[in-house]
Structure formats: C-alpha cells, structure tokens
Amino acid sequence: MNHQDKKTSTVCVHIDAQLETIESVDIKVFSRFHNNTPTQKISTGLQIIKQTLNLGRFDRLMIQVGDLGNLSTMRNHVRLEGIIVDGIDLNPHNVHLGRQYPDHTKVNHKSPVEYYEPGTHFDFAGVYELDIETPIWRYALYAFSYLSPYRERLYTSNNDVS
C-alpha cells in the first residue's frame, strides 16, 4: 500500500463494561494495515478509548476485547456503545454491520458459533471487525444503504437455525 492509499484517522471507541469477576479488561483498537497499537486496560463503567490509526482506502477496523487466551468468564459483560472516526459518529446502523469473532478456546461449548452479527456484546474475549472505507463520511453515508437486507438477520449468528 503506498502513501496515497492510507490516511491518518482518530478513532474513538465508546465501551460500557460491567465486570463482576475481574478488575480490568484489555482493549486494543487497530486496523488491518495498522496493527501495532498499544493495549489499554478499562475497568467497570463507560469508557472512551482514543486511538490514531492509519486507515487504508478499504480497511477493516478491529477491536480486541480481553486477552484471547485468558478471559473466559460468563459474568463479565462488555458492550460496544459506539465508534467515532474523524469526528463522524458511526451510528448503531453502521456499528451493527460489524461481526464479533469470540474466543471459545477456554470454554467447552458443544457447538460454538464462528461469529455473532451484530457483534456488539462481549461475554467472552473476542475481536470485533468492521469493514470500512475512507473517506469515512462516504462510508457512513453509504453503509446505511446496505442495512435493508441486513435487517432480516440483524440478531442472528451464522449457526442459528430459526
């Protein structure tokens, strides 16, 4: 990717954490082309995580919640409340287009799902992924047009058979 294909952007992630069995959770915000960002710790309550990323023209914003080999308790809940990129709020319609890939390696499930869509609630460690496009205003405007066929499967995962 050359320098014309990426843009420095400020990403603010709003997270609400309700932690009952641990004191803090690791959060890392990164993208497909900029993954050497630091891990931050959050505690219970509403938290805002700011990260400066180099986003490519077609990129994937990723939010890792928890240590993917360690956090597996069921009584901890972390909810992605919103994402703001370069001052543009990716409202719930855009945020719900992302998927959460949970880490089920520490928990014995009979049939674990590959991903949840929308993936805004974390009961296990996992990675939230949202395909985005820069400039972000264009993505925020046109991503809404993808929502109509998406509504049918809004709260189902790829393994649900209802």
C-alpha atoms as a PDB file:
ATOM      1  CA  MET A   1       0.000   0.000   0.000  1.00  0.00           C
ATOM      2  CA  ASN A   2       1.517   3.348  -0.958  1.00  0.00           C
ATOM      3  CA  HIS A   3       1.225   6.599   0.997  1.00  0.00           C
ATOM      4  CA  GLN A   4      -1.710   7.809  -1.130  1.00  0.00           C
ATOM      5  CA  ASP A   5      -3.825   4.837  -0.089  1.00  0.00           C
ATOM      6  CA  LYS A   6      -3.797   5.468   3.647  1.00  0.00           C
ATOM      7  CA  LYS A   7      -4.987   8.290   5.839  1.00  0.00           C
ATOM      8  CA  THR A   8      -4.296   9.081   9.475  1.00  0.00           C
ATOM      9  CA  SER A   9      -7.568   8.985  11.381  1.00  0.00           C
ATOM     10  CA  THR A  10      -8.584   9.425  15.007  1.00  0.00           C
ATOM     11  CA  VAL A  11     -10.834   6.644  16.239  1.00  0.00           C
ATOM     12  CA  CYS A  12     -12.836   6.977  19.485  1.00  0.00           C
ATOM     13  CA  VAL A  13     -14.453   3.780  20.743  1.00  0.00           C
ATOM     14  CA  HIS A  14     -17.152   4.030  23.424  1.00  0.00           C
ATOM     15  CA  ILE A  15     -17.357   0.904  25.571  1.00  0.00           C
ATOM     16  CA  ASP A  16     -19.554   0.055  28.545  1.00  0.00           C
ATOM     17  CA  ALA A  17     -18.018  -2.612  30.786  1.00  0.00           C
ATOM     18  CA  GLN A  18     -19.820  -4.419  33.599  1.00  0.00           C
ATOM     19  CA  LEU A  19     -17.117  -6.502  35.243  1.00  0.00           C
ATOM     20  CA  GLU A  20     -18.001  -8.770  38.166  1.00  0.00           C
ATOM     21  CA  THR A  21     -15.163 -11.273  38.389  1.00  0.00           C
ATOM     22  CA  ILE A  22     -12.111  -9.274  37.245  1.00  0.00           C
ATOM     23  CA  GLU A  23     -10.852  -5.745  37.820  1.00  0.00           C
ATOM     24  CA  SER A  24      -9.990  -4.719  34.267  1.00  0.00           C
ATOM     25  CA  VAL A  25     -10.179  -5.854  30.658  1.00  0.00           C
ATOM     26  CA  ASP A  26      -7.614  -5.357  27.925  1.00  0.00           C
ATOM     27  CA  ILE A  27      -8.848  -3.443  24.857  1.00  0.00           C
ATOM     28  CA  LYS A  28      -6.895  -2.973  21.644  1.00  0.00           C
ATOM     29  CA  VAL A  29      -8.111  -0.865  18.705  1.00  0.00           C
ATOM     30  CA  PHE A  30      -6.327  -1.477  15.416  1.00  0.00           C
ATOM     31  CA  SER A  31      -6.850  -1.900  11.685  1.00  0.00           C
ATOM     32  CA  ARG A  32      -5.759  -4.378   9.068  1.00  0.00           C
ATOM     33  CA  PHE A  33      -2.956  -2.046   7.937  1.00  0.00           C
ATOM     34  CA  HIS A  34      -2.047  -0.625  11.372  1.00  0.00           C
ATOM     35  CA  ASN A  35      -1.923  -3.372  13.989  1.00  0.00           C
ATOM     36  CA  ASN A  36       0.996  -2.339  16.212  1.00  0.00           C
ATOM     37  CA  THR A  37      -1.169  -0.240  18.545  1.00  0.00           C
ATOM     38  CA  PRO A  38      -0.894  -0.456  22.344  1.00  0.00           C
ATOM     39  CA  THR A  39      -3.289  -2.441  24.512  1.00  0.00           C
ATOM     40  CA  GLN A  40      -5.258  -0.377  27.033  1.00  0.00           C
ATOM     41  CA  LYS A  41      -6.977  -1.508  30.232  1.00  0.00           C
ATOM     42  CA  ILE A  42     -10.533  -0.498  31.082  1.00  0.00           C
ATOM     43  CA  SER A  43     -12.500  -1.006  34.279  1.00  0.00           C
ATOM     44  CA  THR A  44     -16.218  -1.058  35.048  1.00  0.00           C
ATOM     45  CA  GLY A  45     -18.298   1.750  33.581  1.00  0.00           C
ATOM     46  CA  LEU A  46     -18.442   3.775  30.387  1.00  0.00           C
ATOM     47  CA  GLN A  47     -15.006   4.155  28.821  1.00  0.00           C
ATOM     48  CA  ILE A  48     -13.725   6.079  25.793  1.00  0.00           C
ATOM     49  CA  ILE A  49     -10.678   4.696  24.031  1.00  0.00           C
ATOM     50  CA  LYS A  50      -8.889   7.019  21.585  1.00  0.00           C
ATOM     51  CA  GLN A  51      -6.501   5.649  19.013  1.00  0.00           C
ATOM     52  CA  THR A  52      -4.787   7.207  15.997  1.00  0.00           C
ATOM     53  CA  LEU A  53      -4.703   4.767  13.076  1.00  0.00           C
ATOM     54  CA  ASN A  54      -3.501   4.782   9.507  1.00  0.00           C
ATOM     55  CA  LEU A  55      -6.590   3.609   7.640  1.00  0.00           C
ATOM     56  CA  GLY A  56      -6.394   2.331   4.094  1.00  0.00           C
ATOM     57  CA  ARG A  57      -8.923   3.157   1.376  1.00  0.00           C
ATOM     58  CA  PHE A  58     -10.680  -0.171   2.058  1.00  0.00           C
ATOM     59  CA  ASP A  59      -9.736  -1.310   5.535  1.00  0.00           C
ATOM     60  CA  ARG A  60     -11.029  -3.284   8.500  1.00  0.00           C
ATOM     61  CA  LEU A  61     -11.389  -1.650  11.914  1.00  0.00           C
ATOM     62  CA  MET A  62     -10.792  -4.208  14.685  1.00  0.00           C
ATOM     63  CA  ILE A  63     -11.417  -4.033  18.418  1.00  0.00           C
ATOM     64  CA  GLN A  64      -9.972  -6.823  20.536  1.00  0.00           C
ATOM     65  CA  VAL A  65     -11.739  -7.209  23.873  1.00  0.00           C
ATOM     66  CA  GLY A  66      -9.960  -9.243  26.517  1.00  0.00           C
ATOM     67  CA  ASP A  67      -6.901 -11.423  26.417  1.00  0.00           C
ATOM     68  CA  LEU A  68      -7.690 -14.018  23.766  1.00  0.00           C
ATOM     69  CA  GLY A  69      -6.103 -16.785  25.817  1.00  0.00           C
ATOM     70  CA  ASN A  70      -7.188 -15.776  29.300  1.00  0.00           C
ATOM     71  CA  LEU A  71     -10.602 -14.094  29.745  1.00  0.00           C
ATOM     72  CA  SER A  72     -13.423 -16.620  29.639  1.00  0.00           C
ATOM     73  CA  THR A  73     -15.795 -15.869  32.494  1.00  0.00           C
ATOM     74  CA  MET A  74     -19.510 -15.572  31.792  1.00  0.00           C
ATOM     75  CA  ARG A  75     -20.386 -12.887  34.351  1.00  0.00           C
ATOM     76  CA  ASN A  76     -18.396 -10.124  32.666  1.00  0.00           C
ATOM     77  CA  HIS A  77     -20.138  -8.072  30.005  1.00  0.00           C
ATOM     78  CA  VAL A  78     -18.517  -5.571  27.676  1.00  0.00           C
ATOM     79  CA  ARG A  79     -20.736  -3.706  25.228  1.00  0.00           C
ATOM     80  CA  LEU A  80     -19.609  -1.643  22.265  1.00  0.00           C
ATOM     81  CA  GLU A  81     -21.669   1.549  22.529  1.00  0.00           C
ATOM     82  CA  GLY A  82     -20.362   3.475  19.540  1.00  0.00           C
ATOM     83  CA  ILE A  83     -17.492   4.352  17.264  1.00  0.00           C
ATOM     84  CA  ILE A  84     -16.480   7.845  16.135  1.00  0.00           C
ATOM     85  CA  VAL A  85     -13.935   8.171  13.324  1.00  0.00           C
ATOM     86  CA  ASP A  86     -12.560  11.627  12.462  1.00  0.00           C
ATOM     87  CA  GLY A  87     -15.460  13.255  14.315  1.00  0.00           C
ATOM     88  CA  ILE A  88     -18.115  11.276  12.397  1.00  0.00           C
ATOM     89  CA  ASP A  89     -20.322   9.095  14.566  1.00  0.00           C
ATOM     90  CA  LEU A  90     -20.840   5.660  13.060  1.00  0.00           C
ATOM     91  CA  ASN A  91     -24.333   5.364  14.439  1.00  0.00           C
ATOM     92  CA  PRO A  92     -25.777   1.999  15.537  1.00  0.00           C
ATOM     93  CA  HIS A  93     -26.752   1.201  11.940  1.00  0.00           C
ATOM     94  CA  ASN A  94     -23.103   1.234  10.878  1.00  0.00           C
ATOM     95  CA  VAL A  95     -21.737  -0.371  14.057  1.00  0.00           C
ATOM     96  CA  HIS A  96     -24.209  -3.275  13.710  1.00  0.00           C
ATOM     97  CA  LEU A  97     -22.664  -4.143  10.347  1.00  0.00           C
ATOM     98  CA  GLY A  98     -19.624  -5.481  12.227  1.00  0.00           C
ATOM     99  CA  ARG A  99     -19.041  -9.041  13.376  1.00  0.00           C
ATOM    100  CA  GLN A 100     -17.647 -10.395  16.621  1.00  0.00           C
ATOM    101  CA  TYR A 101     -15.415 -13.434  16.492  1.00  0.00           C
ATOM    102  CA  PRO A 102     -15.457 -14.872  20.040  1.00  0.00           C
ATOM    103  CA  ASP A 103     -12.634 -16.878  21.546  1.00  0.00           C
ATOM    104  CA  HIS A 104     -14.225 -20.118  22.773  1.00  0.00           C
ATOM    105  CA  THR A 105     -10.967 -21.962  23.356  1.00  0.00           C
ATOM    106  CA  LYS A 106     -11.172 -21.709  27.159  1.00  0.00           C
ATOM    107  CA  VAL A 107     -14.859 -22.652  27.361  1.00  0.00           C
ATOM    108  CA  ASN A 108     -16.309 -26.036  26.478  1.00  0.00           C
ATOM    109  CA  HIS A 109     -19.175 -25.442  24.017  1.00  0.00           C
ATOM    110  CA  LYS A 110     -20.959 -28.217  22.167  1.00  0.00           C
ATOM    111  CA  SER A 111     -21.416 -26.129  19.038  1.00  0.00           C
ATOM    112  CA  PRO A 112     -19.652 -22.753  19.256  1.00  0.00           C
ATOM    113  CA  VAL A 113     -20.525 -20.147  16.660  1.00  0.00           C
ATOM    114  CA  GLU A 114     -17.905 -18.733  14.339  1.00  0.00           C
ATOM    115  CA  TYR A 115     -19.155 -15.145  14.720  1.00  0.00           C
ATOM    116  CA  TYR A 116     -22.025 -13.034  16.027  1.00  0.00           C
ATOM    117  CA  GLU A 117     -23.672 -10.392  13.879  1.00  0.00           C
ATOM    118  CA  PRO A 118     -24.076  -7.761  15.179  1.00  0.00           C
ATOM    119  CA  GLY A 119     -21.176  -8.377  17.490  1.00  0.00           C
ATOM    120  CA  THR A 120     -21.517  -5.530  19.940  1.00  0.00           C
ATOM    121  CA  HIS A 121     -21.841  -7.570  23.181  1.00  0.00           C
ATOM    122  CA  PHE A 122     -18.860  -9.468  24.581  1.00  0.00           C
ATOM    123  CA  ASP A 123     -19.385 -12.145  27.219  1.00  0.00           C
ATOM    124  CA  PHE A 124     -16.123 -13.788  26.175  1.00  0.00           C
ATOM    125  CA  ALA A 125     -12.887 -12.442  24.828  1.00  0.00           C
ATOM    126  CA  GLY A 126     -13.051 -11.797  21.103  1.00  0.00           C
ATOM    127  CA  VAL A 127     -12.408  -9.497  18.191  1.00  0.00           C
ATOM    128  CA  TYR A 128     -14.980  -7.134  16.651  1.00  0.00           C
ATOM    129  CA  GLU A 129     -14.388  -6.455  12.943  1.00  0.00           C
ATOM    130  CA  LEU A 130     -15.984  -3.765  10.794  1.00  0.00           C
ATOM    131  CA  ASP A 131     -15.108  -3.285   7.127  1.00  0.00           C
ATOM    132  CA  ILE A 132     -14.792   0.443   6.464  1.00  0.00           C
ATOM    133  CA  GLU A 133     -13.862   2.742   3.641  1.00  0.00           C
ATOM    134  CA  THR A 134     -12.187   6.125   3.679  1.00  0.00           C
ATOM    135  CA  PRO A 135     -13.088   8.915   3.490  1.00  0.00           C
ATOM    136  CA  ILE A 136     -15.184   7.943   6.464  1.00  0.00           C
ATOM    137  CA  TRP A 137     -18.021  10.369   5.673  1.00  0.00           C
ATOM    138  CA  ARG A 138     -18.639   8.479   2.460  1.00  0.00           C
ATOM    139  CA  TYR A 139     -18.694   5.147   4.273  1.00  0.00           C
ATOM    140  CA  ALA A 140     -21.082   6.483   6.938  1.00  0.00           C
ATOM    141  CA  LEU A 141     -23.410   7.796   4.254  1.00  0.00           C
ATOM    142  CA  TYR A 142     -23.481   4.743   2.003  1.00  0.00           C
ATOM    143  CA  ALA A 143     -23.256   1.969   4.622  1.00  0.00           C
ATOM    144  CA  PHE A 144     -26.871   2.732   5.544  1.00  0.00           C
ATOM    145  CA  SER A 145     -27.948   1.545   2.081  1.00  0.00           C
ATOM    146  CA  TYR A 146     -26.590  -1.910   2.935  1.00  0.00           C
ATOM    147  CA  LEU A 147     -28.792  -2.111   6.027  1.00  0.00           C
ATOM    148  CA  SER A 148     -32.106  -3.152   4.443  1.00  0.00           C
ATOM    149  CA  PRO A 149     -31.206  -6.756   3.506  1.00  0.00           C
ATOM    150  CA  TYR A 150     -29.160  -6.929   6.674  1.00  0.00           C
ATOM    151  CA  ARG A 151     -32.189  -6.268   8.941  1.00  0.00           C
ATOM    152  CA  GLU A 152     -33.546  -9.767   8.337  1.00  0.00           C
ATOM    153  CA  ARG A 153     -30.550 -11.320  10.051  1.00  0.00           C
ATOM    154  CA  LEU A 154     -29.751  -8.494  12.479  1.00  0.00           C
ATOM    155  CA  TYR A 155     -29.662 -10.518  15.679  1.00  0.00           C
ATOM    156  CA  THR A 156     -28.754 -13.952  14.387  1.00  0.00           C
ATOM    157  CA  SER A 157     -25.441 -15.680  14.086  1.00  0.00           C
ATOM    158  CA  ASN A 158     -24.261 -17.919  11.285  1.00  0.00           C
ATOM    159  CA  ASN A 159     -25.204 -21.077  13.236  1.00  0.00           C
ATOM    160  CA  ASP A 160     -28.769 -20.124  14.196  1.00  0.00           C
ATOM    161  CA  VAL A 161     -31.434 -22.228  12.513  1.00  0.00           C
ATOM    162  CA  SER A 162     -34.623 -20.323  13.249  1.00  0.00           C
END
